[in-house]
Amino acid sequence: MASEHLSAAKQRMIDQHLRARGISDERVLAAMQRVPREDFVPEALRPHAYDDRALPVKLGQTISQPYTVAFMAQAAQFSRDERVLEIGTGTGYGTAVLACLAAEVFTVERWPKLSDTATHRLERFGFRNVVTKLGDGSLGWAEQSPFDAIVVTAAAEQLPTAFFDQLAERGRIIIPIGVPGTGQTMFRFTRQSGKLREESLGMFSFVPLVCDS
């Protein structure tokens, strides 16, 4: 009965919270359908796994609402053969969605407990195209660059220089920028001839991107 409830809730999420709000990329919708969000949230919150809202997880962090995950994935305009850097592994839910869309996903998380749990979870679900790292996400992952896309799941006050340096030509950065506590603007930066083209994609709310330096 519980699985039937979650299955129905997932379909409502797809129809009412994603398609109805403009998520039209069928590959993104298929990835959201495939990944079991209930296995990425605390046990007590499993009945709410497909509510369209952020949910609390360990260390004062959150798992982003499904619409936000889908929105960022759609905005990144992935093709199947691309290499993606994710900043902020969190529970691994967004990572799993990205892994359904790209050839390789390199993901960085600064909190050891979150990183360890997400790594084991992703391995258990068979996502073999994901490589995890514990570290300061604001520095990117220079050794694995260049990346075709960089998806940042925490808010920065400005675009870190490392992301531009590690982005391939025609690559995209999806990142919320703004002062913590005031809401942030989602931006898509596209690298063209060594410069960045900037697009504003609307207002969102994220936890801040924490730098170790």
N, C-alpha and C. Protein backbone atom coordinates (compact mmCIF):
# COMPACT_ATOMS: atom_id res chain seq x y z
N MET A 1 0.83 -1.21 0.00
CA MET A 1 0.00 0.00 0.00
C MET A 1 0.87 1.26 0.00
N ALA A 2 1.97 1.21 0.78
CA ALA A 2 2.86 2.37 0.83
C ALA A 2 3.48 2.63 -0.52
N SER A 3 3.90 1.56 -1.22
CA SER A 3 4.52 1.73 -2.53
C SER A 3 3.52 2.27 -3.55
N GLU A 4 2.26 1.85 -3.43
CA GLU A 4 1.22 2.37 -4.33
C GLU A 4 1.00 3.86 -4.08
N HIS A 5 1.02 4.25 -2.81
CA HIS A 5 0.86 5.66 -2.46
C HIS A 5 1.99 6.49 -3.04
N LEU A 6 3.24 5.99 -2.91
CA LEU A 6 4.39 6.73 -3.41
C LEU A 6 4.38 6.79 -4.93
N SER A 7 3.94 5.70 -5.57
CA SER A 7 3.86 5.69 -7.02
C SER A 7 2.86 6.72 -7.54
N ALA A 8 1.72 6.81 -6.88
CA ALA A 8 0.71 7.79 -7.26
C ALA A 8 1.20 9.21 -7.00
N ALA A 9 1.90 9.38 -5.86
CA ALA A 9 2.44 10.70 -5.52
C ALA A 9 3.50 11.13 -6.53
N LYS A 10 4.33 10.19 -6.99
CA LYS A 10 5.34 10.52 -7.99
C LYS A 10 4.69 10.95 -9.29
N GLN A 11 3.63 10.27 -9.70
CA GLN A 11 2.96 10.64 -10.95
C GLN A 11 2.32 12.01 -10.84
N ARG A 12 1.75 12.33 -9.68
CA ARG A 12 1.21 13.67 -9.47
C ARG A 12 2.32 14.71 -9.56
N MET A 13 3.47 14.39 -8.98
CA MET A 13 4.61 15.30 -9.06
C MET A 13 4.96 15.58 -10.52
N ILE A 14 5.06 14.54 -11.31
CA ILE A 14 5.41 14.69 -12.72
C ILE A 14 4.39 15.54 -13.46
N ASP A 15 3.11 15.23 -13.25
CA ASP A 15 2.05 15.90 -14.01
C ASP A 15 1.75 17.30 -13.51
N GLN A 16 1.63 17.45 -12.19
CA GLN A 16 1.13 18.71 -11.63
C GLN A 16 2.23 19.70 -11.27
N HIS A 17 3.40 19.19 -10.88
CA HIS A 17 4.44 20.10 -10.40
C HIS A 17 5.57 20.30 -11.41
N LEU A 18 5.69 19.38 -12.36
CA LEU A 18 6.76 19.52 -13.35
C LEU A 18 6.20 19.91 -14.72
N ARG A 19 5.43 19.03 -15.34
CA ARG A 19 4.88 19.36 -16.66
C ARG A 19 4.04 20.64 -16.61
N ALA A 20 3.20 20.76 -15.62
CA ALA A 20 2.29 21.91 -15.54
C ALA A 20 3.04 23.22 -15.31
N ARG A 21 4.27 23.15 -14.83
CA ARG A 21 5.05 24.36 -14.56
C ARG A 21 6.16 24.58 -15.58
N GLY A 22 6.09 23.87 -16.69
CA GLY A 22 6.99 24.18 -17.78
C GLY A 22 8.16 23.25 -18.00
N ILE A 23 8.24 22.16 -17.25
CA ILE A 23 9.30 21.18 -17.51
C ILE A 23 8.83 20.31 -18.67
N SER A 24 9.45 20.51 -19.82
CA SER A 24 8.99 19.85 -21.05
C SER A 24 10.02 18.91 -21.66
N ASP A 25 11.26 18.94 -21.15
CA ASP A 25 12.30 18.05 -21.66
C ASP A 25 11.98 16.62 -21.24
N GLU A 26 11.68 15.76 -22.22
CA GLU A 26 11.24 14.41 -21.89
C GLU A 26 12.33 13.58 -21.22
N ARG A 27 13.59 13.88 -21.54
CA ARG A 27 14.69 13.16 -20.87
C ARG A 27 14.76 13.53 -19.40
N VAL A 28 14.53 14.80 -19.09
CA VAL A 28 14.51 15.23 -17.69
C VAL A 28 13.33 14.59 -16.96
N LEU A 29 12.18 14.59 -17.57
CA LEU A 29 11.00 13.99 -16.93
C LEU A 29 11.22 12.49 -16.71
N ALA A 30 11.84 11.82 -17.66
CA ALA A 30 12.12 10.38 -17.50
C ALA A 30 13.09 10.14 -16.35
N ALA A 31 14.08 11.03 -16.21
CA ALA A 31 15.04 10.89 -15.10
C ALA A 31 14.35 11.10 -13.77
N MET A 32 13.46 12.09 -13.69
CA MET A 32 12.71 12.33 -12.46
C MET A 32 11.79 11.15 -12.14
N GLN A 33 11.29 10.51 -13.17
CA GLN A 33 10.45 9.33 -12.97
C GLN A 33 11.28 8.15 -12.48
N ARG A 34 12.48 8.03 -12.98
CA ARG A 34 13.32 6.88 -12.66
C ARG A 34 13.86 6.91 -11.24
N VAL A 35 14.28 8.07 -10.76
CA VAL A 35 15.00 8.15 -9.48
C VAL A 35 14.01 8.13 -8.31
N PRO A 36 14.14 7.19 -7.37
CA PRO A 36 13.23 7.08 -6.24
C PRO A 36 13.56 8.08 -5.13
N ARG A 37 12.93 9.26 -5.13
CA ARG A 37 13.27 10.29 -4.15
C ARG A 37 13.05 9.81 -2.71
N GLU A 38 12.13 8.86 -2.52
CA GLU A 38 11.86 8.38 -1.16
C GLU A 38 13.09 7.71 -0.53
N ASP A 39 14.01 7.24 -1.36
CA ASP A 39 15.21 6.61 -0.84
C ASP A 39 16.34 7.59 -0.57
N PHE A 40 16.08 8.88 -0.79
CA PHE A 40 17.08 9.91 -0.58
C PHE A 40 16.68 10.88 0.54
N VAL A 41 15.57 10.62 1.21
CA VAL A 41 15.12 11.48 2.30
C VAL A 41 15.12 10.68 3.60
N PRO A 42 15.13 11.35 4.76
CA PRO A 42 15.05 10.63 6.03
C PRO A 42 13.81 9.75 6.10
N GLU A 43 13.94 8.63 6.79
CA GLU A 43 12.86 7.64 6.88
C GLU A 43 11.53 8.28 7.28
N ALA A 44 11.56 9.16 8.27
CA ALA A 44 10.32 9.77 8.76
C ALA A 44 9.63 10.64 7.72
N LEU A 45 10.39 11.06 6.69
CA LEU A 45 9.82 11.96 5.68
C LEU A 45 9.46 11.25 4.38
N ARG A 46 9.62 9.93 4.34
CA ARG A 46 9.32 9.18 3.11
C ARG A 46 7.90 9.44 2.59
N PRO A 47 6.88 9.53 3.46
CA PRO A 47 5.53 9.80 2.93
C PRO A 47 5.43 11.14 2.20
N HIS A 48 6.39 12.04 2.45
CA HIS A 48 6.36 13.37 1.82
C HIS A 48 7.39 13.50 0.70
N ALA A 49 7.94 12.37 0.26
CA ALA A 49 9.05 12.40 -0.69
C ALA A 49 8.70 13.13 -1.98
N TYR A 50 7.45 13.06 -2.40
CA TYR A 50 7.06 13.67 -3.67
C TYR A 50 6.25 14.94 -3.50
N ASP A 51 6.24 15.48 -2.29
CA ASP A 51 5.74 16.84 -2.11
C ASP A 51 6.69 17.78 -2.86
N ASP A 52 6.16 18.80 -3.47
CA ASP A 52 7.03 19.71 -4.22
C ASP A 52 7.60 20.77 -3.29
N ARG A 53 8.46 20.34 -2.40
CA ARG A 53 9.11 21.25 -1.47
C ARG A 53 10.43 20.66 -1.01
N ALA A 54 11.32 21.54 -0.57
CA ALA A 54 12.58 21.08 0.00
C ALA A 54 12.30 20.39 1.33
N LEU A 55 13.11 19.40 1.65
CA LEU A 55 12.96 18.68 2.91
C LEU A 55 14.29 18.71 3.66
N PRO A 56 14.24 18.77 5.00
CA PRO A 56 15.48 18.81 5.78
C PRO A 56 16.20 17.47 5.78
N VAL A 57 17.53 17.55 5.75
CA VAL A 57 18.35 16.34 5.87
C VAL A 57 19.41 16.63 6.95
N LYS A 58 20.50 15.93 6.93
CA LYS A 58 21.52 16.06 7.98
C LYS A 58 22.24 17.41 7.91
N LEU A 59 22.79 17.81 9.05
CA LEU A 59 23.71 18.95 9.15
C LEU A 59 23.10 20.27 8.71
N GLY A 60 21.78 20.40 8.90
CA GLY A 60 21.11 21.64 8.57
C GLY A 60 20.96 21.88 7.08
N GLN A 61 21.21 20.86 6.27
CA GLN A 61 21.07 20.99 4.82
C GLN A 61 19.67 20.57 4.38
N THR A 62 19.39 20.72 3.11
CA THR A 62 18.09 20.31 2.58
C THR A 62 18.27 19.52 1.30
N ILE A 63 17.25 18.74 0.95
CA ILE A 63 17.15 18.14 -0.37
C ILE A 63 16.21 19.04 -1.16
N SER A 64 16.67 19.52 -2.30
CA SER A 64 15.90 20.50 -3.07
C SER A 64 14.55 19.95 -3.50
N GLN A 65 13.59 20.86 -3.70
CA GLN A 65 12.28 20.44 -4.16
C GLN A 65 12.41 19.85 -5.56
N PRO A 66 11.56 18.90 -5.92
CA PRO A 66 11.67 18.26 -7.23
C PRO A 66 11.66 19.25 -8.40
N TYR A 67 10.81 20.27 -8.32
CA TYR A 67 10.75 21.23 -9.42
C TYR A 67 12.11 21.91 -9.63
N THR A 68 12.79 22.26 -8.54
CA THR A 68 14.08 22.93 -8.66
C THR A 68 15.10 22.01 -9.31
N VAL A 69 15.13 20.74 -8.91
CA VAL A 69 16.05 19.77 -9.51
C VAL A 69 15.78 19.65 -11.01
N ALA A 70 14.52 19.52 -11.38
CA ALA A 70 14.15 19.37 -12.78
C ALA A 70 14.45 20.65 -13.56
N PHE A 71 14.17 21.80 -12.96
CA PHE A 71 14.40 23.08 -13.62
C PHE A 71 15.88 23.26 -13.96
N MET A 72 16.75 22.97 -13.00
CA MET A 72 18.18 23.13 -13.22
C MET A 72 18.69 22.15 -14.27
N ALA A 73 18.18 20.93 -14.23
CA ALA A 73 18.59 19.93 -15.22
C ALA A 73 18.14 20.35 -16.62
N GLN A 74 16.94 20.86 -16.73
CA GLN A 74 16.44 21.31 -18.04
C GLN A 74 17.24 22.52 -18.53
N ALA A 75 17.54 23.44 -17.62
CA ALA A 75 18.28 24.65 -17.98
C ALA A 75 19.70 24.32 -18.46
N ALA A 76 20.26 23.23 -17.96
CA ALA A 76 21.62 22.86 -18.34
C ALA A 76 21.72 22.30 -19.76
N GLN A 77 20.60 21.87 -20.32
CA GLN A 77 20.53 21.44 -21.72
C GLN A 77 21.55 20.34 -22.01
N PHE A 78 21.49 19.28 -21.23
CA PHE A 78 22.45 18.19 -21.36
C PHE A 78 22.27 17.39 -22.65
N SER A 79 23.39 16.89 -23.16
CA SER A 79 23.35 15.82 -24.14
C SER A 79 23.98 14.59 -23.50
N ARG A 80 23.78 13.43 -24.09
CA ARG A 80 24.13 12.17 -23.43
C ARG A 80 25.64 11.97 -23.26
N ASP A 81 26.45 12.64 -24.06
CA ASP A 81 27.88 12.37 -24.04
C ASP A 81 28.67 13.39 -23.22
N GLU A 82 28.01 14.19 -22.40
CA GLU A 82 28.69 15.27 -21.71
C GLU A 82 29.21 14.88 -20.32
N ARG A 83 30.22 15.65 -19.89
CA ARG A 83 30.81 15.49 -18.56
C ARG A 83 30.34 16.66 -17.71
N VAL A 84 29.80 16.35 -16.53
CA VAL A 84 29.13 17.35 -15.69
C VAL A 84 29.80 17.41 -14.32
N LEU A 85 29.97 18.63 -13.83
CA LEU A 85 30.42 18.85 -12.45
C LEU A 85 29.23 19.34 -11.63
N GLU A 86 28.95 18.65 -10.53
CA GLU A 86 27.92 19.09 -9.60
C GLU A 86 28.59 19.58 -8.32
N ILE A 87 28.19 20.76 -7.87
CA ILE A 87 28.71 21.32 -6.62
C ILE A 87 27.61 21.18 -5.57
N GLY A 88 27.86 20.32 -4.57
CA GLY A 88 26.87 20.06 -3.53
C GLY A 88 26.15 18.75 -3.76
N THR A 89 26.79 17.65 -3.40
CA THR A 89 26.18 16.32 -3.60
C THR A 89 24.94 16.14 -2.74
N GLY A 90 25.00 16.65 -1.50
CA GLY A 90 23.87 16.49 -0.60
C GLY A 90 23.53 15.03 -0.38
N THR A 91 22.27 14.69 -0.53
CA THR A 91 21.83 13.30 -0.35
C THR A 91 22.16 12.43 -1.55
N GLY A 92 22.49 13.07 -2.67
CA GLY A 92 22.75 12.32 -3.90
C GLY A 92 21.56 12.27 -4.84
N TYR A 93 20.43 12.86 -4.44
CA TYR A 93 19.23 12.81 -5.29
C TYR A 93 19.44 13.54 -6.62
N GLY A 94 19.88 14.79 -6.54
CA GLY A 94 20.13 15.54 -7.76
C GLY A 94 21.23 14.90 -8.59
N THR A 95 22.23 14.34 -7.92
CA THR A 95 23.31 13.64 -8.60
C THR A 95 22.77 12.49 -9.44
N ALA A 96 21.85 11.73 -8.85
CA ALA A 96 21.25 10.59 -9.56
C ALA A 96 20.49 11.05 -10.80
N VAL A 97 19.77 12.16 -10.68
CA VAL A 97 19.05 12.70 -11.84
C VAL A 97 20.04 13.09 -12.93
N LEU A 98 21.12 13.78 -12.56
CA LEU A 98 22.13 14.17 -13.54
C LEU A 98 22.76 12.94 -14.20
N ALA A 99 22.96 11.88 -13.40
CA ALA A 99 23.59 10.67 -13.93
C ALA A 99 22.73 9.98 -14.98
N CYS A 100 21.43 10.24 -14.94
CA CYS A 100 20.53 9.70 -15.96
C CYS A 100 20.62 10.48 -17.27
N LEU A 101 21.23 11.66 -17.22
CA LEU A 101 21.19 12.58 -18.36
C LEU A 101 22.54 12.78 -19.03
N ALA A 102 23.63 12.53 -18.33
CA ALA A 102 24.97 12.81 -18.84
C ALA A 102 25.83 11.56 -18.83
N ALA A 103 26.96 11.63 -19.54
CA ALA A 103 27.85 10.48 -19.60
C ALA A 103 28.59 10.26 -18.29
N GLU A 104 29.08 11.36 -17.69
CA GLU A 104 29.82 11.28 -16.44
C GLU A 104 29.42 12.45 -15.54
N VAL A 105 29.31 12.17 -14.25
CA VAL A 105 29.01 13.20 -13.27
C VAL A 105 30.09 13.18 -12.19
N PHE A 106 30.73 14.32 -11.99
CA PHE A 106 31.72 14.50 -10.94
C PHE A 106 31.09 15.43 -9.91
N THR A 107 30.98 14.98 -8.67
CA THR A 107 30.22 15.73 -7.68
C THR A 107 31.04 15.96 -6.42
N VAL A 108 30.98 17.18 -5.89
CA VAL A 108 31.80 17.58 -4.74
C VAL A 108 30.89 17.96 -3.58
N GLU A 109 31.20 17.44 -2.40
CA GLU A 109 30.44 17.74 -1.18
C GLU A 109 31.43 18.06 -0.05
N ARG A 110 31.16 19.10 0.72
CA ARG A 110 32.10 19.50 1.77
C ARG A 110 31.86 18.78 3.09
N TRP A 111 30.65 18.20 3.31
CA TRP A 111 30.35 17.55 4.59
C TRP A 111 30.62 16.05 4.49
N PRO A 112 31.55 15.52 5.29
CA PRO A 112 31.92 14.11 5.18
C PRO A 112 30.75 13.13 5.32
N LYS A 113 29.87 13.36 6.28
CA LYS A 113 28.76 12.41 6.49
C LYS A 113 27.83 12.39 5.29
N LEU A 114 27.54 13.56 4.73
CA LEU A 114 26.69 13.61 3.55
C LEU A 114 27.37 12.93 2.37
N SER A 115 28.65 13.21 2.18
CA SER A 115 29.39 12.64 1.06
C SER A 115 29.44 11.12 1.15
N ASP A 116 29.74 10.59 2.33
CA ASP A 116 29.84 9.14 2.51
C ASP A 116 28.50 8.47 2.25
N THR A 117 27.44 9.03 2.83
CA THR A 117 26.12 8.43 2.67
C THR A 117 25.68 8.46 1.21
N ALA A 118 25.88 9.60 0.55
CA ALA A 118 25.48 9.72 -0.84
C ALA A 118 26.28 8.77 -1.73
N THR A 119 27.58 8.65 -1.47
CA THR A 119 28.42 7.76 -2.27
C THR A 119 27.93 6.32 -2.19
N HIS A 120 27.67 5.85 -0.98
CA HIS A 120 27.19 4.48 -0.81
C HIS A 120 25.81 4.28 -1.43
N ARG A 121 24.97 5.29 -1.30
CA ARG A 121 23.62 5.19 -1.85
C ARG A 121 23.67 5.12 -3.38
N LEU A 122 24.45 5.96 -4.00
CA LEU A 122 24.56 5.97 -5.46
C LEU A 122 25.15 4.66 -5.98
N GLU A 123 26.12 4.12 -5.26
CA GLU A 123 26.68 2.82 -5.64
C GLU A 123 25.63 1.72 -5.53
N ARG A 124 24.84 1.77 -4.47
CA ARG A 124 23.81 0.76 -4.25
C ARG A 124 22.76 0.77 -5.36
N PHE A 125 22.45 1.96 -5.88
CA PHE A 125 21.46 2.06 -6.94
C PHE A 125 22.05 1.88 -8.33
N GLY A 126 23.35 1.60 -8.41
CA GLY A 126 23.96 1.25 -9.68
C GLY A 126 24.35 2.40 -10.58
N PHE A 127 24.58 3.58 -10.01
CA PHE A 127 25.00 4.72 -10.83
C PHE A 127 26.52 4.68 -10.97
N ARG A 128 26.99 3.98 -12.00
CA ARG A 128 28.42 3.74 -12.19
C ARG A 128 29.12 4.91 -12.88
N ASN A 129 28.37 5.88 -13.35
CA ASN A 129 28.98 7.01 -14.05
C ASN A 129 29.14 8.23 -13.15
N VAL A 130 29.15 8.01 -11.82
CA VAL A 130 29.29 9.09 -10.85
C VAL A 130 30.60 8.92 -10.08
N VAL A 131 31.34 10.02 -9.94
CA VAL A 131 32.55 10.04 -9.13
C VAL A 131 32.36 11.11 -8.06
N THR A 132 32.54 10.76 -6.80
CA THR A 132 32.32 11.70 -5.71
C THR A 132 33.64 12.17 -5.13
N LYS A 133 33.59 13.34 -4.50
CA LYS A 133 34.79 13.90 -3.88
C LYS A 133 34.38 14.72 -2.67
N LEU A 134 35.16 14.62 -1.60
CA LEU A 134 34.98 15.45 -0.42
C LEU A 134 35.89 16.67 -0.57
N GLY A 135 35.31 17.88 -0.49
CA GLY A 135 36.15 19.06 -0.63
C GLY A 135 35.35 20.34 -0.70
N ASP A 136 36.06 21.42 -0.96
CA ASP A 136 35.49 22.75 -1.08
C ASP A 136 34.94 22.92 -2.49
N GLY A 137 33.62 22.94 -2.61
CA GLY A 137 33.00 23.01 -3.92
C GLY A 137 33.29 24.29 -4.68
N SER A 138 33.58 25.37 -3.98
CA SER A 138 33.84 26.64 -4.66
C SER A 138 35.11 26.58 -5.51
N LEU A 139 35.94 25.56 -5.28
CA LEU A 139 37.18 25.38 -6.05
C LEU A 139 36.97 24.51 -7.27
N GLY A 140 35.75 23.96 -7.42
CA GLY A 140 35.50 23.06 -8.53
C GLY A 140 36.28 21.76 -8.39
N TRP A 141 36.73 21.23 -9.53
CA TRP A 141 37.51 19.98 -9.53
C TRP A 141 38.46 20.06 -10.72
N ALA A 142 39.53 20.79 -10.56
CA ALA A 142 40.42 21.13 -11.67
C ALA A 142 40.99 19.89 -12.37
N GLU A 143 41.29 18.85 -11.58
CA GLU A 143 41.92 17.66 -12.16
C GLU A 143 41.04 16.95 -13.17
N GLN A 144 39.73 17.13 -13.06
CA GLN A 144 38.80 16.45 -13.97
C GLN A 144 38.27 17.38 -15.06
N SER A 145 38.66 18.63 -15.04
CA SER A 145 38.17 19.58 -16.02
C SER A 145 38.85 19.35 -17.39
N PRO A 146 38.25 19.87 -18.48
CA PRO A 146 37.10 20.78 -18.52
C PRO A 146 35.76 20.03 -18.48
N PHE A 147 34.72 20.76 -18.07
CA PHE A 147 33.38 20.21 -17.96
C PHE A 147 32.46 20.85 -19.00
N ASP A 148 31.53 20.06 -19.49
CA ASP A 148 30.53 20.58 -20.44
C ASP A 148 29.43 21.35 -19.73
N ALA A 149 29.24 21.04 -18.46
CA ALA A 149 28.24 21.76 -17.66
C ALA A 149 28.64 21.69 -16.20
N ILE A 150 28.30 22.74 -15.46
CA ILE A 150 28.52 22.80 -14.01
C ILE A 150 27.20 23.20 -13.37
N VAL A 151 26.72 22.38 -12.46
CA VAL A 151 25.44 22.62 -11.77
C VAL A 151 25.74 22.85 -10.30
N VAL A 152 25.35 24.00 -9.79
CA VAL A 152 25.69 24.40 -8.42
C VAL A 152 24.41 24.43 -7.58
N THR A 153 24.38 23.63 -6.53
CA THR A 153 23.15 23.48 -5.74
C THR A 153 23.18 24.26 -4.43
N ALA A 154 24.01 25.30 -4.39
CA ALA A 154 24.05 26.21 -3.24
C ALA A 154 24.30 27.61 -3.78
N ALA A 155 23.86 28.60 -3.02
CA ALA A 155 23.91 29.98 -3.52
C ALA A 155 25.25 30.65 -3.25
N ALA A 156 25.80 31.25 -4.28
CA ALA A 156 27.03 32.03 -4.16
C ALA A 156 26.70 33.51 -4.27
N GLU A 157 27.51 34.34 -3.66
CA GLU A 157 27.30 35.78 -3.79
C GLU A 157 27.82 36.30 -5.12
N GLN A 158 28.74 35.55 -5.73
CA GLN A 158 29.21 35.86 -7.07
C GLN A 158 29.73 34.56 -7.68
N LEU A 159 29.91 34.55 -8.98
CA LEU A 159 30.36 33.34 -9.66
C LEU A 159 31.83 33.07 -9.33
N PRO A 160 32.16 31.92 -8.74
CA PRO A 160 33.56 31.61 -8.46
C PRO A 160 34.38 31.52 -9.74
N THR A 161 35.56 32.10 -9.71
CA THR A 161 36.44 32.10 -10.88
C THR A 161 36.77 30.70 -11.35
N ALA A 162 36.90 29.77 -10.41
CA ALA A 162 37.27 28.39 -10.76
C ALA A 162 36.27 27.77 -11.73
N PHE A 163 35.00 28.12 -11.62
CA PHE A 163 34.00 27.52 -12.50
C PHE A 163 34.23 27.94 -13.95
N PHE A 164 34.52 29.21 -14.16
CA PHE A 164 34.82 29.68 -15.51
C PHE A 164 36.07 28.99 -16.05
N ASP A 165 37.09 28.89 -15.23
CA ASP A 165 38.35 28.30 -15.66
C ASP A 165 38.19 26.83 -16.05
N GLN A 166 37.23 26.14 -15.43
CA GLN A 166 37.07 24.70 -15.65
C GLN A 166 35.96 24.35 -16.63
N LEU A 167 35.40 25.36 -17.29
CA LEU A 167 34.29 25.16 -18.20
C LEU A 167 34.78 25.06 -19.64
N ALA A 168 34.29 24.05 -20.36
CA ALA A 168 34.65 23.88 -21.76
C ALA A 168 33.96 24.93 -22.63
N GLU A 169 34.49 25.14 -23.82
CA GLU A 169 33.83 26.02 -24.78
C GLU A 169 32.41 25.51 -25.06
N ARG A 170 31.46 26.41 -25.07
CA ARG A 170 30.02 26.15 -25.21
C ARG A 170 29.43 25.46 -23.96
N GLY A 171 30.23 25.38 -22.90
CA GLY A 171 29.73 24.81 -21.65
C GLY A 171 28.80 25.77 -20.92
N ARG A 172 27.97 25.20 -20.04
CA ARG A 172 26.98 25.98 -19.28
C ARG A 172 27.20 25.83 -17.79
N ILE A 173 27.00 26.92 -17.07
CA ILE A 173 26.99 26.90 -15.60
C ILE A 173 25.59 27.29 -15.15
N ILE A 174 24.98 26.47 -14.32
CA ILE A 174 23.68 26.78 -13.72
C ILE A 174 23.92 27.03 -12.24
N ILE A 175 23.65 28.24 -11.79
CA ILE A 175 24.01 28.61 -10.41
C ILE A 175 23.08 29.68 -9.87
N PRO A 176 22.61 29.52 -8.61
CA PRO A 176 21.87 30.61 -7.95
C PRO A 176 22.86 31.60 -7.34
N ILE A 177 22.63 32.87 -7.57
CA ILE A 177 23.51 33.92 -7.06
C ILE A 177 22.70 34.94 -6.29
N GLY A 178 23.19 35.29 -5.10
CA GLY A 178 22.52 36.29 -4.29
C GLY A 178 22.93 36.19 -2.84
N VAL A 179 22.51 37.15 -2.05
CA VAL A 179 22.84 37.18 -0.64
C VAL A 179 21.96 36.18 0.11
N PRO A 180 22.53 35.32 0.97
CA PRO A 180 21.74 34.34 1.73
C PRO A 180 20.62 35.02 2.52
N GLY A 181 19.45 34.38 2.52
CA GLY A 181 18.33 34.89 3.30
C GLY A 181 17.43 35.85 2.55
N THR A 182 17.85 36.26 1.34
CA THR A 182 17.05 37.21 0.58
C THR A 182 16.48 36.61 -0.69
N GLY A 183 16.73 35.33 -0.93
CA GLY A 183 16.35 34.72 -2.20
C GLY A 183 17.44 35.00 -3.22
N GLN A 184 17.58 34.12 -4.19
CA GLN A 184 18.64 34.27 -5.17
C GLN A 184 18.08 34.17 -6.58
N THR A 185 18.84 34.70 -7.53
CA THR A 185 18.47 34.60 -8.94
C THR A 185 19.24 33.43 -9.55
N MET A 186 18.53 32.56 -10.25
CA MET A 186 19.18 31.48 -10.97
C MET A 186 19.74 32.03 -12.28
N PHE A 187 21.00 31.72 -12.53
CA PHE A 187 21.64 32.18 -13.76
C PHE A 187 22.13 30.99 -14.58
N ARG A 188 22.10 31.18 -15.89
CA ARG A 188 22.80 30.27 -16.80
C ARG A 188 23.89 31.09 -17.49
N PHE A 189 25.14 30.65 -17.30
CA PHE A 189 26.28 31.26 -17.97
C PHE A 189 26.75 30.29 -19.05
N THR A 190 26.93 30.77 -20.26
CA THR A 190 27.40 29.94 -21.36
C THR A 190 28.72 30.49 -21.87
N ARG A 191 29.71 29.62 -21.99
CA ARG A 191 31.03 30.06 -22.45
C ARG A 191 31.06 30.09 -23.98
N GLN A 192 31.34 31.26 -24.52
CA GLN A 192 31.40 31.44 -25.97
C GLN A 192 32.63 32.27 -26.31
N SER A 193 33.56 31.67 -27.06
CA SER A 193 34.79 32.34 -27.47
C SER A 193 35.54 32.93 -26.28
N GLY A 194 35.59 32.16 -25.20
CA GLY A 194 36.35 32.57 -24.03
C GLY A 194 35.66 33.58 -23.13
N LYS A 195 34.41 33.91 -23.43
CA LYS A 195 33.65 34.84 -22.60
C LYS A 195 32.36 34.17 -22.13
N LEU A 196 31.71 34.77 -21.12
CA LEU A 196 30.48 34.21 -20.58
C LEU A 196 29.27 35.03 -21.01
N ARG A 197 28.28 34.34 -21.56
CA ARG A 197 26.99 34.96 -21.83
C ARG A 197 26.07 34.64 -20.66
N GLU A 198 25.44 35.65 -20.11
CA GLU A 198 24.66 35.54 -18.88
C GLU A 198 23.16 35.61 -19.18
N GLU A 199 22.40 34.68 -18.56
CA GLU A 199 20.94 34.69 -18.66
C GLU A 199 20.33 34.53 -17.27
N SER A 200 19.36 35.37 -16.95
CA SER A 200 18.64 35.25 -15.69
C SER A 200 17.43 34.34 -15.87
N LEU A 201 17.26 33.36 -14.96
CA LEU A 201 16.22 32.34 -15.12
C LEU A 201 15.14 32.39 -14.03
N GLY A 202 15.18 33.40 -13.16
CA GLY A 202 14.14 33.50 -12.15
C GLY A 202 14.66 33.36 -10.73
N MET A 203 13.76 33.56 -9.76
CA MET A 203 14.12 33.57 -8.35
C MET A 203 13.95 32.20 -7.71
N PHE A 204 14.92 31.85 -6.85
CA PHE A 204 14.89 30.61 -6.10
C PHE A 204 15.47 30.87 -4.71
N SER A 205 15.46 29.85 -3.86
CA SER A 205 16.04 29.98 -2.52
C SER A 205 16.89 28.75 -2.22
N PHE A 206 18.17 28.98 -1.88
CA PHE A 206 19.11 27.90 -1.62
C PHE A 206 19.89 28.19 -0.34
N VAL A 207 20.46 27.12 0.23
CA VAL A 207 21.43 27.30 1.31
C VAL A 207 22.68 27.90 0.69
N PRO A 208 23.50 28.60 1.48
CA PRO A 208 24.69 29.25 0.92
C PRO A 208 25.80 28.28 0.54
N LEU A 209 26.55 28.65 -0.48
CA LEU A 209 27.76 27.93 -0.85
C LEU A 209 28.86 28.29 0.14
N VAL A 210 29.37 27.31 0.87
CA VAL A 210 30.37 27.55 1.92
C VAL A 210 31.76 27.30 1.36
N CYS A 211 32.62 28.27 1.54
CA CYS A 211 34.02 28.14 1.10
C CYS A 211 34.90 27.90 2.32
N ASP A 212 35.90 27.04 2.17
CA ASP A 212 36.80 26.74 3.28
C ASP A 212 37.88 27.78 3.44
N SER A 213 38.13 28.56 2.42
CA SER A 213 39.21 29.55 2.48
C SER A 213 38.73 30.82 3.17
